Amino acid sequence: MSIKTQIEKDLNDAMRARDERRKRTLRMALSAIKLAEVEKGASLEDAAVLTILQKEIKNQREVITDAEQAGRPELVAEAEAEIAILEHYLPRQLTVQEIEAMARAAIQEVGATSPKEMSQVMKTLMPRLQGSADGSQVSQIVRGLLEQT
């Protein structure tokens, strides 16, 4: 079953259970997925759906940052709950050590020796990590490893 189909099924379950937060969050995700499908003119593969879900999670993390600065703990709690719902559809997130190991392999594969070659490493590494790691975290790890060499 595709991720989009699973989200649609879960949305129906949330509607039956009258779970407003889950229903609202899944509708938001489906809306973003359908918008991307309209723009593309075709159905999306699971990898593209994962990218959209990661973008939605990133948006919620920005909401948390803004809400914390504004002193709005109720908005922080709401955004954290939405992140938890969306993360359910992502693959298991890799640990820092796992990301480092994969980054070292990509650096060796590309033959990178300085931070100037970071884009080549990221181009090789990111498709392998699709949905399993936050891009900014991967970027920091790769930059750190390249600065050490």
Protein backbone atom coordinates (compact mmCIF):
# COMPACT_ATOMS: atom_id res chain seq x y z
CA MET A 1 0.00 0.00 0.00
CA SER A 2 1.38 3.41 -0.94
CA ILE A 3 1.99 6.06 1.71
CA LYS A 4 -0.70 8.29 0.21
CA THR A 5 -3.24 5.45 0.34
CA GLN A 6 -2.31 4.75 3.95
CA ILE A 7 -2.78 8.42 4.86
CA GLU A 8 -6.19 8.44 3.17
CA LYS A 9 -7.21 5.29 5.09
CA ASP A 10 -5.97 6.78 8.36
CA LEU A 11 -7.87 10.00 7.62
CA ASN A 12 -11.09 8.01 7.27
CA ASP A 13 -10.34 6.23 10.56
CA ALA A 14 -9.68 9.58 12.27
CA MET A 15 -12.96 10.95 10.95
CA ARG A 16 -14.84 7.93 12.31
CA ALA A 17 -13.07 8.29 15.66
CA ARG A 18 -13.71 12.06 15.69
CA ASP A 19 -10.00 12.69 16.27
CA GLU A 20 -9.86 16.34 15.22
CA ARG A 21 -6.09 16.85 15.50
CA ARG A 22 -5.26 13.73 13.50
CA LYS A 23 -7.95 14.55 10.93
CA ARG A 24 -6.67 18.13 10.51
CA THR A 25 -3.03 17.01 10.23
CA LEU A 26 -3.73 14.27 7.69
CA ARG A 27 -5.91 16.61 5.62
CA MET A 28 -3.07 19.13 5.56
CA ALA A 29 -0.64 16.42 4.39
CA LEU A 30 -3.03 15.11 1.73
CA SER A 31 -3.64 18.65 0.52
CA ALA A 32 0.11 19.20 0.04
CA ILE A 33 0.43 15.84 -1.73
CA LYS A 34 -2.49 16.54 -4.07
CA LEU A 35 -1.16 20.03 -4.86
CA ALA A 36 2.17 18.49 -5.85
CA GLU A 37 0.35 15.92 -8.00
CA VAL A 38 -1.58 18.67 -9.78
CA GLU A 39 1.63 20.61 -10.40
CA LYS A 40 3.34 17.49 -11.72
CA GLY A 41 0.30 16.29 -13.63
CA ALA A 42 0.65 12.72 -12.36
CA SER A 43 0.53 10.62 -9.20
CA LEU A 44 3.56 10.85 -6.94
CA GLU A 45 5.87 8.01 -6.03
CA ASP A 46 6.39 7.22 -2.34
CA ALA A 47 9.79 8.98 -2.39
CA ALA A 48 8.14 12.24 -3.46
CA VAL A 49 5.44 11.81 -0.81
CA LEU A 50 8.16 11.32 1.81
CA THR A 51 9.78 14.56 0.69
CA ILE A 52 6.48 16.40 1.09
CA LEU A 53 5.95 14.92 4.57
CA GLN A 54 9.47 15.97 5.57
CA LYS A 55 8.74 19.49 4.34
CA GLU A 56 5.55 19.59 6.41
CA ILE A 57 7.49 18.42 9.48
CA LYS A 58 10.10 21.10 8.85
CA ASN A 59 7.32 23.70 8.68
CA GLN A 60 5.96 22.50 12.02
CA ARG A 61 9.44 22.73 13.57
CA GLU A 62 9.58 26.35 12.42
CA VAL A 63 6.18 26.91 14.06
CA ILE A 64 7.61 25.49 17.28
CA THR A 65 10.57 27.88 17.14
CA ASP A 66 8.30 30.87 16.53
CA ALA A 67 5.82 29.80 19.21
CA GLU A 68 8.59 29.36 21.78
CA GLN A 69 9.88 32.86 21.04
CA ALA A 70 6.34 34.22 21.39
CA GLY A 71 5.79 32.37 24.66
CA ARG A 72 2.90 30.25 23.31
CA PRO A 73 3.27 26.77 24.86
CA GLU A 74 -0.14 25.64 23.53
CA LEU A 75 1.05 26.20 19.94
CA VAL A 76 4.28 24.33 20.68
CA ALA A 77 2.29 21.35 21.99
CA GLU A 78 -0.01 21.41 18.96
CA ALA A 79 2.91 21.48 16.49
CA GLU A 80 4.72 18.68 18.35
CA ALA A 81 1.58 16.53 18.18
CA GLU A 82 1.31 17.15 14.43
CA ILE A 83 4.97 16.23 13.95
CA ALA A 84 4.38 12.95 15.81
CA ILE A 85 1.44 12.14 13.52
CA LEU A 86 3.43 12.87 10.36
CA GLU A 87 6.57 11.03 11.52
CA HIS A 88 4.50 7.86 11.72
CA TYR A 89 4.64 7.71 7.90
CA LEU A 90 8.40 8.20 7.60
CA PRO A 91 10.91 5.35 7.71
CA ARG A 92 12.92 4.84 10.89
CA GLN A 93 15.18 7.82 11.43
CA LEU A 94 18.89 7.06 11.32
CA THR A 95 21.16 7.76 14.27
CA VAL A 96 24.02 10.24 14.03
CA GLN A 97 26.50 7.34 13.93
CA GLU A 98 24.64 5.69 11.04
CA ILE A 99 24.54 8.97 9.11
CA GLU A 100 28.27 9.51 9.75
CA ALA A 101 29.10 6.04 8.45
CA MET A 102 27.09 6.61 5.28
CA ALA A 103 28.60 10.09 4.87
CA ARG A 104 32.15 8.70 5.20
CA ALA A 105 31.33 6.10 2.52
CA ALA A 106 29.94 8.79 0.19
CA ILE A 107 32.99 11.02 0.79
CA GLN A 108 35.28 8.12 -0.12
CA GLU A 109 33.17 7.21 -3.15
CA VAL A 110 33.26 10.78 -4.48
CA GLY A 111 36.89 11.27 -3.46
CA ALA A 112 36.11 14.54 -1.69
CA THR A 113 38.92 16.13 0.29
CA SER A 114 37.59 19.59 1.18
CA PRO A 115 34.35 21.39 2.07
CA LYS A 116 34.32 22.80 -1.48
CA GLU A 117 33.24 19.35 -2.70
CA MET A 118 30.33 19.12 -0.28
CA SER A 119 27.69 19.43 -3.01
CA GLN A 120 29.04 16.34 -4.78
CA VAL A 121 28.91 14.35 -1.55
CA MET A 122 25.38 15.55 -0.75
CA LYS A 123 24.21 14.71 -4.28
CA THR A 124 25.44 11.14 -3.78
CA LEU A 125 24.31 10.76 -0.17
CA MET A 126 20.82 12.28 -0.01
CA PRO A 127 19.05 9.78 -2.31
CA ARG A 128 20.32 6.98 -0.06
CA LEU A 129 18.92 8.68 3.04
CA GLN A 130 15.55 9.58 1.52
CA GLY A 131 13.14 10.05 4.41
CA SER A 132 15.53 8.57 6.97
CA ALA A 133 17.36 11.71 8.04
CA ASP A 134 16.90 15.46 8.23
CA GLY A 135 18.76 17.22 5.42
CA SER A 136 20.17 19.97 7.64
CA GLN A 137 21.55 17.40 10.08
CA VAL A 138 23.16 15.46 7.21
CA SER A 139 24.63 18.70 5.86
CA GLN A 140 26.20 19.53 9.24
CA ILE A 141 27.69 16.04 9.55
CA VAL A 142 29.13 16.08 6.02
CA ARG A 143 30.56 19.57 6.51
CA GLY A 144 32.18 18.49 9.79
CA LEU A 145 33.72 15.40 8.22
CA LEU A 146 35.04 17.34 5.24
CA GLU A 147 36.58 20.01 7.49
CA GLN A 148 38.47 17.28 9.37
CA THR A 149 40.11 15.96 6.19
